[in-house]
Amino acid sequence: MKILPVIFFVLFSIETLQAQPNCNVFLWEGDTAQYKACILLTENQHKYYQFSKAFHHLVDSAISLCPHFAYAYREKAAPYVKSGNFLEWKKYIDLAVRYDSVGYLPVRASLRYKFFADYHGTIKDIELLEKTSKSNNHYTSNGTYHLSVVKALCYKQTGDIHAGIQIIENLVKHGDYAVGLYDYLHLGVMYYQVEDYEKAIDALNKQQTRNNLAEVSYYLALCHKRLGNTTAYLQAKQSAIDMYKMNVKMFDDYHNMIDQVSEKQFQNNF
């Protein structure tokens, strides 16, 4: 299945990658109820604070006009995940997925992975998307990862590192895929974890040319240390320390990222 290239990566706030729907599409399809609900919601939602009763009343009014309007359920869900009420978020995002699985499985999978550490559930969502979508050009809701990378990380977190390696290897070899911000870093760390240090160093060197971070030098240092390459180890170690002090490292506003290195790890391992 062809993977379309991604020209740039921009970090969006939670769930903002999914744009407002084009209401005219519903009209062209003869779904006047969904068209009216779409117009009502998209033309008025900017008037209200997302956590206000007025906003929820507006969303509920759109749902009353069209109970199968997926975007309304997604909008209903968004304030709940932002406030940490994951049970209510799950209830409404499940309805969005029911009525538009291709549109909202990426959102549900992304946030299952990011906030719940629900790795098995995330894999199920991604595999369902792979079966139902004609495209493999699906990314997390903030645009950071291709969902195949998320799937690989989920396999890693559930103990199947080799499956994760295979997924990312296949992805980065694909001629139409634009390698992501952290793809080679995660691949390199997986190689390190299975003690394939030469491949780990190769992947981490590729990461350095794309998006160099303290974490890259940190894992390079560990690889060289295991191989007994003292000079390379000391160079990578110092680079990691310097970059960490300059705050050139992995960062996400809402959670600690997989393979992100903490100050304690620097102290214990160096």
C-alpha atoms as a PDB file:
ATOM      1  CA  MET A   1       0.000   0.000   0.000  1.00  0.00           C
ATOM      2  CA  LYS A   2       1.501   3.355  -0.975  1.00  0.00           C
ATOM      3  CA  ILE A   3       2.621   5.677   1.801  1.00  0.00           C
ATOM      4  CA  LEU A   4       2.421   9.331   0.824  1.00  0.00           C
ATOM      5  CA  PRO A   5       5.335  11.556   1.831  1.00  0.00           C
ATOM      6  CA  VAL A   6       4.965  13.993   4.681  1.00  0.00           C
ATOM      7  CA  ILE A   7       6.540  17.342   3.813  1.00  0.00           C
ATOM      8  CA  PHE A   8       6.826  18.715   7.335  1.00  0.00           C
ATOM      9  CA  PHE A   9       6.045  17.917  10.924  1.00  0.00           C
ATOM     10  CA  VAL A  10       4.264  20.399  13.169  1.00  0.00           C
ATOM     11  CA  LEU A  11       3.395  19.707  16.775  1.00  0.00           C
ATOM     12  CA  PHE A  12      -0.258  20.459  17.377  1.00  0.00           C
ATOM     13  CA  SER A  13      -2.172  20.586  20.650  1.00  0.00           C
ATOM     14  CA  ILE A  14      -4.236  17.555  21.655  1.00  0.00           C
ATOM     15  CA  GLU A  15      -6.535  16.297  18.910  1.00  0.00           C
ATOM     16  CA  THR A  16      -6.202  19.370  16.662  1.00  0.00           C
ATOM     17  CA  LEU A  17      -4.788  17.545  13.649  1.00  0.00           C
ATOM     18  CA  GLN A  18      -8.296  16.418  12.678  1.00  0.00           C
ATOM     19  CA  ALA A  19      -9.669  19.443  10.817  1.00  0.00           C
ATOM     20  CA  GLN A  20     -13.253  20.615  10.737  1.00  0.00           C
ATOM     21  CA  PRO A  21     -15.288  18.689   8.173  1.00  0.00           C
ATOM     22  CA  ASN A  22     -16.361  20.171   4.861  1.00  0.00           C
ATOM     23  CA  CYS A  23     -20.094  20.407   5.446  1.00  0.00           C
ATOM     24  CA  ASN A  24     -20.838  20.595   1.725  1.00  0.00           C
ATOM     25  CA  VAL A  25     -19.666  17.012   1.319  1.00  0.00           C
ATOM     26  CA  PHE A  26     -22.648  15.829   3.366  1.00  0.00           C
ATOM     27  CA  LEU A  27     -24.977  17.919   1.210  1.00  0.00           C
ATOM     28  CA  TRP A  28     -23.505  16.459  -1.973  1.00  0.00           C
ATOM     29  CA  GLU A  29     -24.062  12.996  -0.537  1.00  0.00           C
ATOM     30  CA  GLY A  30     -27.708  13.828   0.163  1.00  0.00           C
ATOM     31  CA  ASP A  31     -27.293  13.700   3.953  1.00  0.00           C
ATOM     32  CA  THR A  32     -29.135  16.905   4.806  1.00  0.00           C
ATOM     33  CA  ALA A  33     -29.365  16.081   8.528  1.00  0.00           C
ATOM     34  CA  GLN A  34     -25.576  15.762   8.817  1.00  0.00           C
ATOM     35  CA  TYR A  35     -25.151  18.899   6.701  1.00  0.00           C
ATOM     36  CA  LYS A  36     -27.369  20.937   9.032  1.00  0.00           C
ATOM     37  CA  ALA A  37     -25.629  19.566  12.120  1.00  0.00           C
ATOM     38  CA  CYS A  38     -22.243  20.324  10.601  1.00  0.00           C
ATOM     39  CA  ILE A  39     -23.170  23.913   9.747  1.00  0.00           C
ATOM     40  CA  LEU A  40     -24.580  24.481  13.222  1.00  0.00           C
ATOM     41  CA  LEU A  41     -21.475  23.206  14.983  1.00  0.00           C
ATOM     42  CA  THR A  42     -18.658  24.464  12.779  1.00  0.00           C
ATOM     43  CA  GLU A  43     -20.080  27.972  12.406  1.00  0.00           C
ATOM     44  CA  ASN A  44     -20.696  28.464  16.124  1.00  0.00           C
ATOM     45  CA  GLN A  45     -18.208  26.410  18.147  1.00  0.00           C
ATOM     46  CA  HIS A  46     -15.570  29.172  18.123  1.00  0.00           C
ATOM     47  CA  LYS A  47     -17.952  31.340  20.154  1.00  0.00           C
ATOM     48  CA  TYR A  48     -17.737  29.179  23.263  1.00  0.00           C
ATOM     49  CA  TYR A  49     -15.121  28.005  25.717  1.00  0.00           C
ATOM     50  CA  GLN A  50     -14.691  24.274  25.219  1.00  0.00           C
ATOM     51  CA  PHE A  51     -15.332  23.469  28.888  1.00  0.00           C
ATOM     52  CA  SER A  52     -18.486  25.593  29.139  1.00  0.00           C
ATOM     53  CA  LYS A  53     -22.077  24.357  29.344  1.00  0.00           C
ATOM     54  CA  ALA A  54     -22.902  26.496  26.316  1.00  0.00           C
ATOM     55  CA  PHE A  55     -20.331  24.624  24.225  1.00  0.00           C
ATOM     56  CA  HIS A  56     -21.711  21.236  25.256  1.00  0.00           C
ATOM     57  CA  HIS A  57     -25.246  22.427  24.624  1.00  0.00           C
ATOM     58  CA  LEU A  58     -24.194  23.409  21.087  1.00  0.00           C
ATOM     59  CA  VAL A  59     -22.587  20.010  20.485  1.00  0.00           C
ATOM     60  CA  ASP A  60     -25.638  18.223  21.881  1.00  0.00           C
ATOM     61  CA  SER A  61     -27.880  20.266  19.578  1.00  0.00           C
ATOM     62  CA  ALA A  62     -25.811  19.155  16.580  1.00  0.00           C
ATOM     63  CA  ILE A  63     -26.069  15.537  17.715  1.00  0.00           C
ATOM     64  CA  SER A  64     -29.844  15.939  18.072  1.00  0.00           C
ATOM     65  CA  LEU A  65     -30.013  17.075  14.461  1.00  0.00           C
ATOM     66  CA  CYS A  66     -27.876  14.136  13.334  1.00  0.00           C
ATOM     67  CA  PRO A  67     -27.091  11.299  15.771  1.00  0.00           C
ATOM     68  CA  HIS A  68     -24.487   9.853  13.377  1.00  0.00           C
ATOM     69  CA  PHE A  69     -22.418  13.060  13.040  1.00  0.00           C
ATOM     70  CA  ALA A  70     -18.980  11.740  14.088  1.00  0.00           C
ATOM     71  CA  TYR A  71     -17.273  15.132  14.347  1.00  0.00           C
ATOM     72  CA  ALA A  72     -19.731  16.228  17.039  1.00  0.00           C
ATOM     73  CA  TYR A  73     -18.825  13.239  19.211  1.00  0.00           C
ATOM     74  CA  ARG A  74     -15.141  13.984  18.719  1.00  0.00           C
ATOM     75  CA  GLU A  75     -15.742  17.579  19.843  1.00  0.00           C
ATOM     76  CA  LYS A  76     -17.760  16.308  22.800  1.00  0.00           C
ATOM     77  CA  ALA A  77     -14.857  14.032  23.748  1.00  0.00           C
ATOM     78  CA  ALA A  78     -12.033  16.582  23.480  1.00  0.00           C
ATOM     79  CA  PRO A  79     -12.624  18.554  26.716  1.00  0.00           C
ATOM     80  CA  TYR A  80     -12.846  15.336  28.708  1.00  0.00           C
ATOM     81  CA  VAL A  81      -9.403  14.084  27.690  1.00  0.00           C
ATOM     82  CA  LYS A  82      -7.943  17.527  28.360  1.00  0.00           C
ATOM     83  CA  SER A  83      -9.391  17.506  31.865  1.00  0.00           C
ATOM     84  CA  GLY A  84      -8.278  13.928  32.562  1.00  0.00           C
ATOM     85  CA  ASN A  85     -11.753  12.391  32.492  1.00  0.00           C
ATOM     86  CA  PHE A  86     -10.794   9.432  30.334  1.00  0.00           C
ATOM     87  CA  LEU A  87     -13.980   7.447  30.939  1.00  0.00           C
ATOM     88  CA  GLU A  88     -16.162  10.161  29.420  1.00  0.00           C
ATOM     89  CA  TRP A  89     -13.623  10.739  26.638  1.00  0.00           C
ATOM     90  CA  LYS A  90     -13.686   7.036  25.750  1.00  0.00           C
ATOM     91  CA  LYS A  91     -17.478   6.986  25.628  1.00  0.00           C
ATOM     92  CA  TYR A  92     -17.674   9.809  23.096  1.00  0.00           C
ATOM     93  CA  ILE A  93     -14.614   8.987  21.016  1.00  0.00           C
ATOM     94  CA  ASP A  94     -15.974   5.453  20.620  1.00  0.00           C
ATOM     95  CA  LEU A  95     -19.103   6.962  19.077  1.00  0.00           C
ATOM     96  CA  ALA A  96     -16.990   9.098  16.739  1.00  0.00           C
ATOM     97  CA  VAL A  97     -15.151   5.949  15.658  1.00  0.00           C
ATOM     98  CA  ARG A  98     -18.434   4.074  15.196  1.00  0.00           C
ATOM     99  CA  TYR A  99     -19.675   6.632  12.687  1.00  0.00           C
ATOM    100  CA  ASP A 100     -16.340   7.465  11.011  1.00  0.00           C
ATOM    101  CA  SER A 101     -13.754   4.802  11.763  1.00  0.00           C
ATOM    102  CA  VAL A 102     -11.142   5.978   9.252  1.00  0.00           C
ATOM    103  CA  GLY A 103     -11.398   9.560  10.466  1.00  0.00           C
ATOM    104  CA  TYR A 104     -11.225   8.910  14.193  1.00  0.00           C
ATOM    105  CA  LEU A 105      -9.375   5.641  14.768  1.00  0.00           C
ATOM    106  CA  PRO A 106      -6.091   7.592  14.490  1.00  0.00           C
ATOM    107  CA  VAL A 107      -7.244   9.933  17.264  1.00  0.00           C
ATOM    108  CA  ARG A 108      -8.357   7.119  19.543  1.00  0.00           C
ATOM    109  CA  ALA A 109      -5.217   5.089  18.904  1.00  0.00           C
ATOM    110  CA  SER A 110      -2.982   8.111  19.490  1.00  0.00           C
ATOM    111  CA  LEU A 111      -4.464   8.981  22.844  1.00  0.00           C
ATOM    112  CA  ARG A 112      -4.730   5.376  24.021  1.00  0.00           C
ATOM    113  CA  TYR A 113      -1.004   5.158  23.430  1.00  0.00           C
ATOM    114  CA  LYS A 114      -0.131   8.558  24.817  1.00  0.00           C
ATOM    115  CA  PHE A 115      -2.226   8.851  27.947  1.00  0.00           C
ATOM    116  CA  PHE A 116      -3.448   5.383  28.867  1.00  0.00           C
ATOM    117  CA  ALA A 117      -0.391   3.245  28.056  1.00  0.00           C
ATOM    118  CA  ASP A 118      -3.055   0.975  26.563  1.00  0.00           C
ATOM    119  CA  TYR A 119      -0.624  -0.646  24.157  1.00  0.00           C
ATOM    120  CA  HIS A 120      -2.756  -3.675  23.293  1.00  0.00           C
ATOM    121  CA  GLY A 121      -5.763  -1.445  22.622  1.00  0.00           C
ATOM    122  CA  THR A 122      -3.643   0.871  20.484  1.00  0.00           C
ATOM    123  CA  ILE A 123      -2.383  -2.038  18.378  1.00  0.00           C
ATOM    124  CA  LYS A 124      -5.974  -3.231  17.877  1.00  0.00           C
ATOM    125  CA  ASP A 125      -7.058   0.237  16.731  1.00  0.00           C
ATOM    126  CA  ILE A 126      -4.151   0.586  14.302  1.00  0.00           C
ATOM    127  CA  GLU A 127      -4.692  -2.875  12.855  1.00  0.00           C
ATOM    128  CA  LEU A 128      -8.399  -2.148  12.423  1.00  0.00           C
ATOM    129  CA  LEU A 129      -7.482   1.062  10.618  1.00  0.00           C
ATOM    130  CA  GLU A 130      -5.083  -0.849   8.379  1.00  0.00           C
ATOM    131  CA  LYS A 131      -7.930  -3.173   7.406  1.00  0.00           C
ATOM    132  CA  THR A 132     -10.541  -0.482   6.802  1.00  0.00           C
ATOM    133  CA  SER A 133      -8.559   2.364   5.218  1.00  0.00           C
ATOM    134  CA  LYS A 134      -7.321   2.484   1.634  1.00  0.00           C
ATOM    135  CA  SER A 135      -4.433   4.699   2.741  1.00  0.00           C
ATOM    136  CA  ASN A 136      -1.505   4.013   5.027  1.00  0.00           C
ATOM    137  CA  ASN A 137      -0.842   7.725   5.482  1.00  0.00           C
ATOM    138  CA  HIS A 138      -2.118   7.962   9.053  1.00  0.00           C
ATOM    139  CA  TYR A 139      -0.414   9.883  11.839  1.00  0.00           C
ATOM    140  CA  THR A 140      -0.906  10.546  15.530  1.00  0.00           C
ATOM    141  CA  SER A 141      -3.300  13.308  16.467  1.00  0.00           C
ATOM    142  CA  ASN A 142      -0.446  15.760  17.111  1.00  0.00           C
ATOM    143  CA  GLY A 143       1.440  14.815  13.931  1.00  0.00           C
ATOM    144  CA  THR A 144       4.571  13.506  15.667  1.00  0.00           C
ATOM    145  CA  TYR A 145       4.453   9.857  14.589  1.00  0.00           C
ATOM    146  CA  HIS A 146       3.275   7.724  11.727  1.00  0.00           C
ATOM    147  CA  LEU A 147       0.931   5.199  13.306  1.00  0.00           C
ATOM    148  CA  SER A 148       3.166   2.344  12.176  1.00  0.00           C
ATOM    149  CA  VAL A 149       5.873   3.753  14.464  1.00  0.00           C
ATOM    150  CA  VAL A 150       3.351   3.907  17.295  1.00  0.00           C
ATOM    151  CA  LYS A 151       2.466   0.288  16.603  1.00  0.00           C
ATOM    152  CA  ALA A 152       6.156  -0.638  16.755  1.00  0.00           C
ATOM    153  CA  LEU A 153       6.577   1.178  20.062  1.00  0.00           C
ATOM    154  CA  CYS A 154       3.518  -0.588  21.447  1.00  0.00           C
ATOM    155  CA  TYR A 155       4.996  -3.968  20.544  1.00  0.00           C
ATOM    156  CA  LYS A 156       8.227  -2.920  22.241  1.00  0.00           C
ATOM    157  CA  GLN A 157       6.374  -1.858  25.380  1.00  0.00           C
ATOM    158  CA  THR A 158       4.549  -5.191  25.515  1.00  0.00           C
ATOM    159  CA  GLY A 159       7.811  -7.136  25.259  1.00  0.00           C
ATOM    160  CA  ASP A 160       8.019  -7.968  21.551  1.00  0.00           C
ATOM    161  CA  ILE A 161      10.968  -5.766  20.602  1.00  0.00           C
ATOM    162  CA  HIS A 162      11.778  -7.779  17.472  1.00  0.00           C
ATOM    163  CA  ALA A 163       8.300  -7.117  16.071  1.00  0.00           C
ATOM    164  CA  GLY A 164       8.817  -3.414  16.714  1.00  0.00           C
ATOM    165  CA  ILE A 165      12.176  -3.493  14.939  1.00  0.00           C
ATOM    166  CA  GLN A 166      10.698  -5.193  11.892  1.00  0.00           C
ATOM    167  CA  ILE A 167       7.893  -2.648  11.593  1.00  0.00           C
ATOM    168  CA  ILE A 168      10.198   0.376  11.676  1.00  0.00           C
ATOM    169  CA  GLU A 169      12.775  -1.300   9.416  1.00  0.00           C
ATOM    170  CA  ASN A 170      10.088  -1.911   6.791  1.00  0.00           C
ATOM    171  CA  LEU A 171       8.735   1.612   7.133  1.00  0.00           C
ATOM    172  CA  VAL A 172      12.003   3.517   6.750  1.00  0.00           C
ATOM    173  CA  LYS A 173      12.954   1.385   3.731  1.00  0.00           C
ATOM    174  CA  HIS A 174       9.778   2.436   1.923  1.00  0.00           C
ATOM    175  CA  GLY A 175      10.699   4.816  -0.882  1.00  0.00           C
ATOM    176  CA  ASP A 176       7.638   7.037  -0.444  1.00  0.00           C
ATOM    177  CA  TYR A 177       7.957   7.452   3.320  1.00  0.00           C
ATOM    178  CA  ALA A 178       9.476  10.610   4.836  1.00  0.00           C
ATOM    179  CA  VAL A 179      11.348   9.457   7.937  1.00  0.00           C
ATOM    180  CA  GLY A 180       9.895  10.954  11.107  1.00  0.00           C
ATOM    181  CA  LEU A 181      11.363  13.086  13.858  1.00  0.00           C
ATOM    182  CA  TYR A 182      12.334  10.161  16.090  1.00  0.00           C
ATOM    183  CA  ASP A 183      12.103   7.040  13.900  1.00  0.00           C
ATOM    184  CA  TYR A 184      15.800   6.169  13.802  1.00  0.00           C
ATOM    185  CA  LEU A 185      16.215   7.004  17.477  1.00  0.00           C
ATOM    186  CA  HIS A 186      13.558   4.469  18.453  1.00  0.00           C
ATOM    187  CA  LEU A 187      14.964   1.922  16.031  1.00  0.00           C
ATOM    188  CA  GLY A 188      18.447   2.438  17.430  1.00  0.00           C
ATOM    189  CA  VAL A 189      17.247   2.010  20.995  1.00  0.00           C
ATOM    190  CA  MET A 190      15.472  -1.217  20.073  1.00  0.00           C
ATOM    191  CA  TYR A 191      18.662  -2.564  18.501  1.00  0.00           C
ATOM    192  CA  TYR A 192      20.516  -1.580  21.673  1.00  0.00           C
ATOM    193  CA  GLN A 193      17.957  -3.405  23.803  1.00  0.00           C
ATOM    194  CA  VAL A 194      18.448  -6.619  21.836  1.00  0.00           C
ATOM    195  CA  GLU A 195      22.248  -6.119  22.070  1.00  0.00           C
ATOM    196  CA  ASP A 196      22.786  -5.524  18.353  1.00  0.00           C
ATOM    197  CA  TYR A 197      25.104  -2.598  19.035  1.00  0.00           C
ATOM    198  CA  GLU A 198      26.508  -2.134  15.525  1.00  0.00           C
ATOM    199  CA  LYS A 199      23.037  -1.747  14.032  1.00  0.00           C
ATOM    200  CA  ALA A 200      22.096   0.501  16.934  1.00  0.00           C
ATOM    201  CA  ILE A 201      25.049   2.796  16.198  1.00  0.00           C
ATOM    202  CA  ASP A 202      24.168   2.892  12.494  1.00  0.00           C
ATOM    203  CA  ALA A 203      20.550   3.852  13.221  1.00  0.00           C
ATOM    204  CA  LEU A 204      21.550   6.464  15.813  1.00  0.00           C
ATOM    205  CA  ASN A 205      24.064   8.005  13.411  1.00  0.00           C
ATOM    206  CA  LYS A 206      21.243   8.337  10.861  1.00  0.00           C
ATOM    207  CA  GLN A 207      19.118   9.988  13.548  1.00  0.00           C
ATOM    208  CA  GLN A 208      21.899  12.514  14.206  1.00  0.00           C
ATOM    209  CA  THR A 209      21.751  13.731  10.610  1.00  0.00           C
ATOM    210  CA  ARG A 210      17.980  14.298  10.816  1.00  0.00           C
ATOM    211  CA  ASN A 211      17.138  15.456  14.329  1.00  0.00           C
ATOM    212  CA  ASN A 212      20.025  15.369  16.758  1.00  0.00           C
ATOM    213  CA  LEU A 213      19.129  15.197  20.445  1.00  0.00           C
ATOM    214  CA  ALA A 214      20.741  14.471  23.793  1.00  0.00           C
ATOM    215  CA  GLU A 215      19.061  11.065  23.725  1.00  0.00           C
ATOM    216  CA  VAL A 216      20.877  10.134  20.517  1.00  0.00           C
ATOM    217  CA  SER A 217      24.319  10.760  22.006  1.00  0.00           C
ATOM    218  CA  TYR A 218      23.229   9.102  25.254  1.00  0.00           C
ATOM    219  CA  TYR A 219      22.371   5.818  23.535  1.00  0.00           C
ATOM    220  CA  LEU A 220      25.407   6.066  21.272  1.00  0.00           C
ATOM    221  CA  ALA A 221      27.548   6.354  24.396  1.00  0.00           C
ATOM    222  CA  LEU A 222      25.952   3.245  25.897  1.00  0.00           C
ATOM    223  CA  CYS A 223      26.542   1.290  22.681  1.00  0.00           C
ATOM    224  CA  HIS A 224      30.199   2.318  22.469  1.00  0.00           C
ATOM    225  CA  LYS A 225      30.635   1.522  26.160  1.00  0.00           C
ATOM    226  CA  ARG A 226      29.306  -2.010  25.598  1.00  0.00           C
ATOM    227  CA  LEU A 227      31.655  -2.467  22.635  1.00  0.00           C
ATOM    228  CA  GLY A 228      34.651  -1.150  24.557  1.00  0.00           C
ATOM    229  CA  ASN A 229      35.128   1.853  22.265  1.00  0.00           C
ATOM    230  CA  THR A 230      36.455   4.131  25.010  1.00  0.00           C
ATOM    231  CA  THR A 231      37.219   7.218  22.915  1.00  0.00           C
ATOM    232  CA  ALA A 232      33.873   7.118  21.079  1.00  0.00           C
ATOM    233  CA  TYR A 233      32.099   6.479  24.382  1.00  0.00           C
ATOM    234  CA  LEU A 234      33.656   9.518  26.063  1.00  0.00           C
ATOM    235  CA  GLN A 235      32.916  11.745  23.070  1.00  0.00           C
ATOM    236  CA  ALA A 236      29.268  10.653  22.889  1.00  0.00           C
ATOM    237  CA  LYS A 237      28.918  10.958  26.664  1.00  0.00           C
ATOM    238  CA  GLN A 238      30.150  14.544  26.684  1.00  0.00           C
ATOM    239  CA  SER A 239      27.955  15.407  23.717  1.00  0.00           C
ATOM    240  CA  ALA A 240      24.929  13.979  25.503  1.00  0.00           C
ATOM    241  CA  ILE A 241      25.670  15.955  28.667  1.00  0.00           C
ATOM    242  CA  ASP A 242      26.210  19.196  26.752  1.00  0.00           C
ATOM    243  CA  MET A 243      23.046  18.821  24.694  1.00  0.00           C
ATOM    244  CA  TYR A 244      20.996  17.921  27.745  1.00  0.00           C
ATOM    245  CA  LYS A 245      22.212  21.067  29.531  1.00  0.00           C
ATOM    246  CA  MET A 246      21.209  23.103  26.465  1.00  0.00           C
ATOM    247  CA  ASN A 247      17.756  21.456  26.602  1.00  0.00           C
ATOM    248  CA  VAL A 248      18.205  19.855  23.174  1.00  0.00           C
ATOM    249  CA  LYS A 249      16.222  16.747  24.001  1.00  0.00           C
ATOM    250  CA  MET A 250      12.948  14.936  23.452  1.00  0.00           C
ATOM    251  CA  PHE A 251       9.975  16.823  24.806  1.00  0.00           C
ATOM    252  CA  ASP A 252       6.203  16.679  24.820  1.00  0.00           C
ATOM    253  CA  ASP A 253       3.918  19.026  26.730  1.00  0.00           C
ATOM    254  CA  TYR A 254       1.663  16.256  27.985  1.00  0.00           C
ATOM    255  CA  HIS A 255       3.719  13.145  28.759  1.00  0.00           C
ATOM    256  CA  ASN A 256       7.155  11.564  29.025  1.00  0.00           C
ATOM    257  CA  MET A 257       8.003  10.103  25.652  1.00  0.00           C
ATOM    258  CA  ILE A 258       9.253   6.577  25.119  1.00  0.00           C
ATOM    259  CA  ASP A 259      13.097   6.581  25.054  1.00  0.00           C
ATOM    260  CA  GLN A 260      13.212  10.082  26.528  1.00  0.00           C
ATOM    261  CA  VAL A 261      16.149  10.226  28.951  1.00  0.00           C
ATOM    262  CA  SER A 262      15.868  11.732  32.431  1.00  0.00           C
ATOM    263  CA  GLU A 263      18.540  13.491  34.443  1.00  0.00           C
ATOM    264  CA  LYS A 264      18.594  10.520  36.827  1.00  0.00           C
ATOM    265  CA  GLN A 265      19.465   8.188  33.941  1.00  0.00           C
ATOM    266  CA  PHE A 266      22.408  10.386  33.041  1.00  0.00           C
ATOM    267  CA  GLN A 267      23.651  10.262  36.609  1.00  0.00           C
ATOM    268  CA  ASN A 268      23.211   6.492  36.999  1.00  0.00           C
ATOM    269  CA  ASN A 269      24.571   5.377  33.614  1.00  0.00           C
ATOM    270  CA  PHE A 270      27.435   7.814  33.117  1.00  0.00           C
END
